């Protein structure tokens, strides 16, 4: 995943009135790449932000996107304690 995807995510979130706290990372696996390599690309997105002149995703938001947001969601729905 390249840095411009970070900007694309932000634009789409704004268009739909969503905050990054409502976004969850996922894959369409099985596909052409293993989830581990896709995860590494997602984690690498901020390495491209400066070069593209876009705002990086904060550590807090990245942690949420990579699992924390989903965990909060399933906690609120009573699926886990």
PDB file of N, CA and C in Angstrom:
ATOM      1  N   UNK A   1       0.845  -1.173   0.000  1.00  0.00           N
ATOM      2  CA  UNK A   1       0.000   0.000   0.000  1.00  0.00           C
ATOM      3  C   UNK A   1       0.885   1.229   0.000  1.00  0.00           C
ATOM      4  N   UNK A   2       0.571   2.172  -0.812  1.00  0.00           N
ATOM      5  CA  UNK A   2       1.371   3.381  -0.897  1.00  0.00           C
ATOM      6  C   UNK A   2       0.732   4.479  -0.091  1.00  0.00           C
ATOM      7  N   UNK A   3       1.471   5.529   0.183  1.00  0.00           N
ATOM      8  CA  UNK A   3       1.015   6.630   1.014  1.00  0.00           C
ATOM      9  C   UNK A   3      -0.219   7.331   0.506  1.00  0.00           C
ATOM     10  N   UNK A   4      -0.403   7.390  -0.822  1.00  0.00           N
ATOM     11  CA  UNK A   4      -1.586   8.087  -1.325  1.00  0.00           C
ATOM     12  C   UNK A   4      -2.866   7.389  -0.889  1.00  0.00           C
ATOM     13  N   UNK A   5      -2.796   6.105  -0.562  1.00  0.00           N
ATOM     14  CA  UNK A   5      -3.972   5.418  -0.044  1.00  0.00           C
ATOM     15  C   UNK A   5      -4.386   5.989   1.301  1.00  0.00           C
ATOM     16  N   UNK A   6      -3.427   6.448   2.094  1.00  0.00           N
ATOM     17  CA  UNK A   6      -3.733   7.097   3.356  1.00  0.00           C
ATOM     18  C   UNK A   6      -4.583   8.334   3.119  1.00  0.00           C
ATOM     19  N   UNK A   7      -4.203   9.147   2.139  1.00  0.00           N
ATOM     20  CA  UNK A   7      -4.960  10.347   1.813  1.00  0.00           C
ATOM     21  C   UNK A   7      -6.335   9.966   1.264  1.00  0.00           C
ATOM     22  N   UNK A   8      -6.403   8.955   0.447  1.00  0.00           N
ATOM     23  CA  UNK A   8      -7.666   8.485  -0.120  1.00  0.00           C
ATOM     24  C   UNK A   8      -8.609   8.045   1.003  1.00  0.00           C
ATOM     25  N   UNK A   9      -8.088   7.312   1.976  1.00  0.00           N
ATOM     26  CA  UNK A   9      -8.894   6.870   3.111  1.00  0.00           C
ATOM     27  C   UNK A   9      -9.453   8.072   3.847  1.00  0.00           C
ATOM     28  N   UNK A  10      -8.612   9.078   4.093  1.00  0.00           N
ATOM     29  CA  UNK A  10      -9.070  10.276   4.804  1.00  0.00           C
ATOM     30  C   UNK A  10     -10.170  11.001   4.033  1.00  0.00           C
ATOM     31  N   UNK A  11     -10.001  11.141   2.724  1.00  0.00           N
ATOM     32  CA  UNK A  11     -11.005  11.831   1.909  1.00  0.00           C
ATOM     33  C   UNK A  11     -12.335  11.090   1.926  1.00  0.00           C
ATOM     34  N   UNK A  12     -12.274   9.774   1.808  1.00  0.00           N
ATOM     35  CA  UNK A  12     -13.509   8.988   1.827  1.00  0.00           C
ATOM     36  C   UNK A  12     -14.177   9.053   3.191  1.00  0.00           C
ATOM     37  N   UNK A  13     -13.387   9.023   4.246  1.00  0.00           N
ATOM     38  CA  UNK A  13     -13.954   9.135   5.592  1.00  0.00           C
ATOM     39  C   UNK A  13     -14.682  10.463   5.756  1.00  0.00           C
ATOM     40  N   UNK A  14     -14.033  11.545   5.336  1.00  0.00           N
ATOM     41  CA  UNK A  14     -14.670  12.863   5.431  1.00  0.00           C
ATOM     42  C   UNK A  14     -15.958  12.915   4.613  1.00  0.00           C
ATOM     43  N   UNK A  15     -15.933  12.355   3.412  1.00  0.00           N
ATOM     44  CA  UNK A  15     -17.104  12.384   2.533  1.00  0.00           C
ATOM     45  C   UNK A  15     -18.303  11.676   3.168  1.00  0.00           C
ATOM     46  N   UNK A  16     -18.047  10.631   3.934  1.00  0.00           N
ATOM     47  CA  UNK A  16     -19.121   9.880   4.567  1.00  0.00           C
ATOM     48  C   UNK A  16     -19.330  10.264   6.030  1.00  0.00           C
ATOM     49  N   UNK A  17     -18.593  11.272   6.513  1.00  0.00           N
ATOM     50  CA  UNK A  17     -18.744  11.712   7.886  1.00  0.00           C
ATOM     51  C   UNK A  17     -18.205  10.726   8.908  1.00  0.00           C
ATOM     52  N   UNK A  18     -17.199   9.950   8.533  1.00  0.00           N
ATOM     53  CA  UNK A  18     -16.614   8.953   9.433  1.00  0.00           C
ATOM     54  C   UNK A  18     -15.300   9.447  10.014  1.00  0.00           C
ATOM     55  N   UNK A  19     -15.041   9.057  11.229  1.00  0.00           N
ATOM     56  CA  UNK A  19     -13.735   9.318  11.828  1.00  0.00           C
ATOM     57  C   UNK A  19     -12.882   8.065  11.648  1.00  0.00           C
ATOM     58  N   UNK A  20     -11.578   8.217  11.809  1.00  0.00           N
ATOM     59  CA  UNK A  20     -10.693   7.052  11.685  1.00  0.00           C
ATOM     60  C   UNK A  20     -10.948   6.018  12.778  1.00  0.00           C
ATOM     61  N   UNK A  21     -11.661   6.400  13.832  1.00  0.00           N
ATOM     62  CA  UNK A  21     -12.008   5.458  14.889  1.00  0.00           C
ATOM     63  C   UNK A  21     -13.056   4.449  14.431  1.00  0.00           C
ATOM     64  N   UNK A  22     -13.631   4.657  13.266  1.00  0.00           N
ATOM     65  CA  UNK A  22     -14.669   3.748  12.753  1.00  0.00           C
ATOM     66  C   UNK A  22     -14.173   2.886  11.594  1.00  0.00           C
ATOM     67  N   UNK A  23     -12.873   2.970  11.292  1.00  0.00           N
ATOM     68  CA  UNK A  23     -12.302   2.237  10.173  1.00  0.00           C
ATOM     69  C   UNK A  23     -11.562   1.004  10.681  1.00  0.00           C
ATOM     70  N   UNK A  24     -11.766  -0.130  10.004  1.00  0.00           N
ATOM     71  CA  UNK A  24     -11.079  -1.379  10.342  1.00  0.00           C
ATOM     72  C   UNK A  24     -10.352  -1.890   9.107  1.00  0.00           C
ATOM     73  N   UNK A  25      -9.124  -2.346   9.300  1.00  0.00           N
ATOM     74  CA  UNK A  25      -8.346  -2.916   8.209  1.00  0.00           C
ATOM     75  C   UNK A  25      -8.781  -4.358   7.998  1.00  0.00           C
ATOM     76  N   UNK A  26      -8.848  -4.753   6.751  1.00  0.00           N
ATOM     77  CA  UNK A  26      -9.171  -6.132   6.423  1.00  0.00           C
ATOM     78  C   UNK A  26      -8.625  -6.460   5.048  1.00  0.00           C
ATOM     79  N   UNK A  27      -8.745  -7.686   4.655  1.00  0.00           N
ATOM     80  CA  UNK A  27      -8.279  -8.113   3.340  1.00  0.00           C
ATOM     81  C   UNK A  27      -9.396  -8.876   2.652  1.00  0.00           C
ATOM     82  N   UNK A  28      -9.211  -9.119   1.383  1.00  0.00           N
ATOM     83  CA  UNK A  28     -10.131  -9.986   0.654  1.00  0.00           C
ATOM     84  C   UNK A  28      -9.473 -11.348   0.424  1.00  0.00           C
ATOM     85  N   UNK A  29      -8.599 -11.738   1.365  1.00  0.00           N
ATOM     86  CA  UNK A  29      -7.902 -13.012   1.282  1.00  0.00           C
ATOM     87  C   UNK A  29      -8.930 -14.131   1.205  1.00  0.00           C
ATOM     88  N   UNK A  30      -8.846 -15.153   0.432  1.00  0.00           N
ATOM     89  CA  UNK A  30      -7.684 -15.501  -0.369  1.00  0.00           C
ATOM     90  C   UNK A  30      -7.608 -14.662  -1.639  1.00  0.00           C
ATOM     91  N   UNK A  31      -6.427 -14.276  -1.924  1.00  0.00           N
ATOM     92  CA  UNK A  31      -6.188 -13.441  -3.086  1.00  0.00           C
ATOM     93  C   UNK A  31      -4.783 -13.671  -3.596  1.00  0.00           C
ATOM     94  N   UNK A  32      -4.202 -12.604  -4.098  1.00  0.00           N
ATOM     95  CA  UNK A  32      -2.872 -12.720  -4.686  1.00  0.00           C
ATOM     96  C   UNK A  32      -1.761 -12.604  -3.654  1.00  0.00           C
ATOM     97  N   UNK A  33      -2.058 -12.017  -2.515  1.00  0.00           N
ATOM     98  CA  UNK A  33      -1.032 -11.849  -1.473  1.00  0.00           C
ATOM     99  C   UNK A  33      -1.533 -12.415  -0.164  1.00  0.00           C
ATOM    100  N   UNK A  34      -0.596 -12.845   0.658  1.00  0.00           N
ATOM    101  CA  UNK A  34      -0.925 -13.344   1.990  1.00  0.00           C
ATOM    102  C   UNK A  34      -1.226 -12.163   2.909  1.00  0.00           C
ATOM    103  N   UNK A  35      -2.097 -12.353   3.898  1.00  0.00           N
ATOM    104  CA  UNK A  35      -2.422 -11.265   4.812  1.00  0.00           C
ATOM    105  C   UNK A  35      -1.202 -10.633   5.480  1.00  0.00           C
ATOM    106  N   UNK A  36      -0.175 -11.437   5.759  1.00  0.00           N
ATOM    107  CA  UNK A  36       1.011 -10.904   6.429  1.00  0.00           C
ATOM    108  C   UNK A  36       1.699  -9.835   5.578  1.00  0.00           C
ATOM    109  N   UNK A  37       1.795 -10.064   4.267  1.00  0.00           N
ATOM    110  CA  UNK A  37       2.456  -9.068   3.414  1.00  0.00           C
ATOM    111  C   UNK A  37       1.578  -7.831   3.250  1.00  0.00           C
ATOM    112  N   UNK A  38       0.255  -8.018   3.224  1.00  0.00           N
ATOM    113  CA  UNK A  38      -0.643  -6.867   3.133  1.00  0.00           C
ATOM    114  C   UNK A  38      -0.590  -6.033   4.415  1.00  0.00           C
ATOM    115  N   UNK A  39      -0.492  -6.704   5.556  1.00  0.00           N
ATOM    116  CA  UNK A  39      -0.377  -5.999   6.831  1.00  0.00           C
ATOM    117  C   UNK A  39       0.900  -5.173   6.869  1.00  0.00           C
ATOM    118  N   UNK A  40       1.990  -5.736   6.384  1.00  0.00           N
ATOM    119  CA  UNK A  40       3.262  -4.998   6.351  1.00  0.00           C
ATOM    120  C   UNK A  40       3.124  -3.744   5.487  1.00  0.00           C
ATOM    121  N   UNK A  41       2.407  -3.841   4.386  1.00  0.00           N
ATOM    122  CA  UNK A  41       2.196  -2.669   3.527  1.00  0.00           C
ATOM    123  C   UNK A  41       1.359  -1.614   4.240  1.00  0.00           C
ATOM    124  N   UNK A  42       0.338  -2.039   4.958  1.00  0.00           N
ATOM    125  CA  UNK A  42      -0.495  -1.078   5.695  1.00  0.00           C
ATOM    126  C   UNK A  42       0.335  -0.364   6.740  1.00  0.00           C
ATOM    127  N   UNK A  43       1.165  -1.103   7.450  1.00  0.00           N
ATOM    128  CA  UNK A  43       2.013  -0.498   8.478  1.00  0.00           C
ATOM    129  C   UNK A  43       3.043   0.451   7.873  1.00  0.00           C
ATOM    130  N   UNK A  44       3.363   0.269   6.603  1.00  0.00           N
ATOM    131  CA  UNK A  44       4.373   1.056   5.914  1.00  0.00           C
ATOM    132  C   UNK A  44       3.818   2.352   5.303  1.00  0.00           C
ATOM    133  N   UNK A  45       2.528   2.550   5.363  1.00  0.00           N
ATOM    134  CA  UNK A  45       1.892   3.675   4.676  1.00  0.00           C
ATOM    135  C   UNK A  45       2.470   5.030   5.108  1.00  0.00           C
ATOM    136  N   UNK A  46       2.807   5.189   6.367  1.00  0.00           N
ATOM    137  CA  UNK A  46       3.329   6.476   6.836  1.00  0.00           C
ATOM    138  C   UNK A  46       4.736   6.776   6.330  1.00  0.00           C
ATOM    139  N   UNK A  47       5.470   5.760   5.906  1.00  0.00           N
ATOM    140  CA  UNK A  47       6.807   6.004   5.361  1.00  0.00           C
ATOM    141  C   UNK A  47       6.759   6.793   4.064  1.00  0.00           C
ATOM    142  N   UNK A  48       5.612   6.842   3.433  1.00  0.00           N
ATOM    143  CA  UNK A  48       5.454   7.560   2.171  1.00  0.00           C
ATOM    144  C   UNK A  48       4.788   8.920   2.344  1.00  0.00           C
ATOM    145  N   UNK A  49       4.256   9.202   3.521  1.00  0.00           N
ATOM    146  CA  UNK A  49       3.458  10.406   3.733  1.00  0.00           C
ATOM    147  C   UNK A  49       4.241  11.686   3.458  1.00  0.00           C
ATOM    148  N   UNK A  50       5.419  11.838   4.022  1.00  0.00           N
ATOM    149  CA  UNK A  50       6.194  13.065   3.824  1.00  0.00           C
ATOM    150  C   UNK A  50       6.504  13.313   2.351  1.00  0.00           C
ATOM    151  N   UNK A  51       6.936  12.286   1.659  1.00  0.00           N
ATOM    152  CA  UNK A  51       7.284  12.416   0.256  1.00  0.00           C
ATOM    153  C   UNK A  51       6.107  12.808  -0.625  1.00  0.00           C
ATOM    154  N   UNK A  52       4.900  12.460  -0.174  1.00  0.00           N
ATOM    155  CA  UNK A  52       3.706  12.790  -0.946  1.00  0.00           C
ATOM    156  C   UNK A  52       3.008  14.042  -0.439  1.00  0.00           C
ATOM    157  N   UNK A  53       3.552  14.619   0.643  1.00  0.00           N
ATOM    158  CA  UNK A  53       2.974  15.841   1.189  1.00  0.00           C
ATOM    159  C   UNK A  53       1.617  15.631   1.842  1.00  0.00           C
ATOM    160  N   UNK A  54       1.425  14.461   2.440  1.00  0.00           N
ATOM    161  CA  UNK A  54       0.168  14.183   3.119  1.00  0.00           C
ATOM    162  C   UNK A  54       0.413  13.940   4.599  1.00  0.00           C
ATOM    163  N   UNK A  55      -0.646  14.071   5.379  1.00  0.00           N
ATOM    164  CA  UNK A  55      -0.546  13.886   6.813  1.00  0.00           C
ATOM    165  C   UNK A  55      -0.502  12.387   7.133  1.00  0.00           C
ATOM    166  N   UNK A  56       0.460  11.946   7.934  1.00  0.00           N
ATOM    167  CA  UNK A  56       0.519  10.527   8.297  1.00  0.00           C
ATOM    168  C   UNK A  56      -0.634  10.151   9.231  1.00  0.00           C
ATOM    169  N   UNK A  57      -0.918   8.875   9.300  1.00  0.00           N
ATOM    170  CA  UNK A  57      -1.909   8.354  10.234  1.00  0.00           C
ATOM    171  C   UNK A  57      -1.210   8.226  11.585  1.00  0.00           C
ATOM    172  N   UNK A  58      -1.810   8.774  12.626  1.00  0.00           N
ATOM    173  CA  UNK A  58      -1.187   8.731  13.948  1.00  0.00           C
ATOM    174  C   UNK A  58      -1.076   7.289  14.440  1.00  0.00           C
ATOM    175  N   UNK A  59      -0.153   7.070  15.375  1.00  0.00           N
ATOM    176  CA  UNK A  59       0.012   5.734  15.966  1.00  0.00           C
ATOM    177  C   UNK A  59      -1.299   5.255  16.583  1.00  0.00           C
ATOM    178  N   UNK A  60      -1.997   6.156  17.268  1.00  0.00           N
ATOM    179  CA  UNK A  60      -3.274   5.813  17.903  1.00  0.00           C
ATOM    180  C   UNK A  60      -4.283   5.347  16.858  1.00  0.00           C
ATOM    181  N   UNK A  61      -4.402   6.099  15.762  1.00  0.00           N
ATOM    182  CA  UNK A  61      -5.356   5.712  14.726  1.00  0.00           C
ATOM    183  C   UNK A  61      -4.921   4.436  14.010  1.00  0.00           C
ATOM    184  N   UNK A  62      -3.628   4.277  13.788  1.00  0.00           N
ATOM    185  CA  UNK A  62      -3.137   3.062  13.128  1.00  0.00           C
ATOM    186  C   UNK A  62      -3.439   1.839  13.983  1.00  0.00           C
ATOM    187  N   UNK A  63      -3.225   1.932  15.292  1.00  0.00           N
ATOM    188  CA  UNK A  63      -3.543   0.817  16.191  1.00  0.00           C
ATOM    189  C   UNK A  63      -5.028   0.485  16.131  1.00  0.00           C
ATOM    190  N   UNK A  64      -5.842   1.526  16.053  1.00  0.00           N
ATOM    191  CA  UNK A  64      -7.284   1.299  15.939  1.00  0.00           C
ATOM    192  C   UNK A  64      -7.646   0.620  14.636  1.00  0.00           C
ATOM    193  N   UNK A  65      -7.135   1.134  13.537  1.00  0.00           N
ATOM    194  CA  UNK A  65      -7.438   0.576  12.215  1.00  0.00           C
ATOM    195  C   UNK A  65      -6.996  -0.885  12.129  1.00  0.00           C
ATOM    196  N   UNK A  66      -5.873  -1.212  12.747  1.00  0.00           N
ATOM    197  CA  UNK A  66      -5.317  -2.564  12.664  1.00  0.00           C
ATOM    198  C   UNK A  66      -5.906  -3.539  13.682  1.00  0.00           C
ATOM    199  N   UNK A  67      -6.954  -3.155  14.392  1.00  0.00           N
ATOM    200  CA  UNK A  67      -7.607  -4.110  15.279  1.00  0.00           C
ATOM    201  C   UNK A  67      -8.353  -3.507  16.448  1.00  0.00           C
ATOM    202  N   UNK A  68      -7.856  -2.412  16.972  1.00  0.00           N
ATOM    203  CA  UNK A  68      -8.486  -1.807  18.147  1.00  0.00           C
ATOM    204  C   UNK A  68      -9.914  -1.340  17.893  1.00  0.00           C
ATOM    205  N   UNK A  69     -10.175  -0.771  16.725  1.00  0.00           N
ATOM    206  CA  UNK A  69     -11.527  -0.299  16.418  1.00  0.00           C
ATOM    207  C   UNK A  69     -12.515  -1.460  16.360  1.00  0.00           C
ATOM    208  N   UNK A  70     -12.089  -2.562  15.745  1.00  0.00           N
ATOM    209  CA  UNK A  70     -12.956  -3.736  15.670  1.00  0.00           C
ATOM    210  C   UNK A  70     -13.211  -4.312  17.058  1.00  0.00           C
ATOM    211  N   UNK A  71     -12.174  -4.381  17.864  1.00  0.00           N
ATOM    212  CA  UNK A  71     -12.334  -4.886  19.225  1.00  0.00           C
ATOM    213  C   UNK A  71     -13.329  -4.019  20.002  1.00  0.00           C
ATOM    214  N   UNK A  72     -13.208  -2.707  19.891  1.00  0.00           N
ATOM    215  CA  UNK A  72     -14.166  -1.814  20.558  1.00  0.00           C
ATOM    216  C   UNK A  72     -15.585  -2.054  20.061  1.00  0.00           C
ATOM    217  N   UNK A  73     -15.741  -2.280  18.765  1.00  0.00           N
ATOM    218  CA  UNK A  73     -17.053  -2.531  18.199  1.00  0.00           C
ATOM    219  C   UNK A  73     -17.674  -3.806  18.765  1.00  0.00           C
ATOM    220  N   UNK A  74     -16.903  -4.899  18.763  1.00  0.00           N
ATOM    221  CA  UNK A  74     -17.495  -6.141  19.246  1.00  0.00           C
ATOM    222  C   UNK A  74     -17.727  -6.116  20.758  1.00  0.00           C
ATOM    223  N   UNK A  75     -16.956  -5.322  21.481  1.00  0.00           N
ATOM    224  CA  UNK A  75     -17.218  -5.153  22.909  1.00  0.00           C
ATOM    225  C   UNK A  75     -18.561  -4.453  23.126  1.00  0.00           C
ATOM    226  N   UNK A  76     -18.817  -3.414  22.316  1.00  0.00           N
ATOM    227  CA  UNK A  76     -20.072  -2.657  22.448  1.00  0.00           C
ATOM    228  C   UNK A  76     -21.279  -3.507  22.053  1.00  0.00           C
ATOM    229  N   UNK A  77     -21.099  -4.437  21.162  1.00  0.00           N
ATOM    230  CA  UNK A  77     -22.219  -5.281  20.736  1.00  0.00           C
ATOM    231  C   UNK A  77     -22.408  -6.484  21.646  1.00  0.00           C
ATOM    232  N   UNK A  78     -21.553  -6.619  22.653  1.00  0.00           N
ATOM    233  CA  UNK A  78     -21.686  -7.712  23.608  1.00  0.00           C
ATOM    234  C   UNK A  78     -21.135  -9.040  23.128  1.00  0.00           C
ATOM    235  N   UNK A  79     -20.359  -9.027  22.048  1.00  0.00           N
ATOM    236  CA  UNK A  79     -19.827 -10.276  21.508  1.00  0.00           C
ATOM    237  C   UNK A  79     -18.615 -10.768  22.290  1.00  0.00           C
ATOM    238  N   UNK A  80     -17.941  -9.886  23.014  1.00  0.00           N
ATOM    239  CA  UNK A  80     -16.835 -10.256  23.899  1.00  0.00           C
ATOM    240  C   UNK A  80     -16.938  -9.415  25.154  1.00  0.00           C
ATOM    241  N   UNK A  81     -16.281  -9.871  26.215  1.00  0.00           N
ATOM    242  CA  UNK A  81     -16.267  -9.104  27.470  1.00  0.00           C
ATOM    243  C   UNK A  81     -15.110  -8.154  27.508  1.00  0.00           C
TER     244      UNK A  81
END
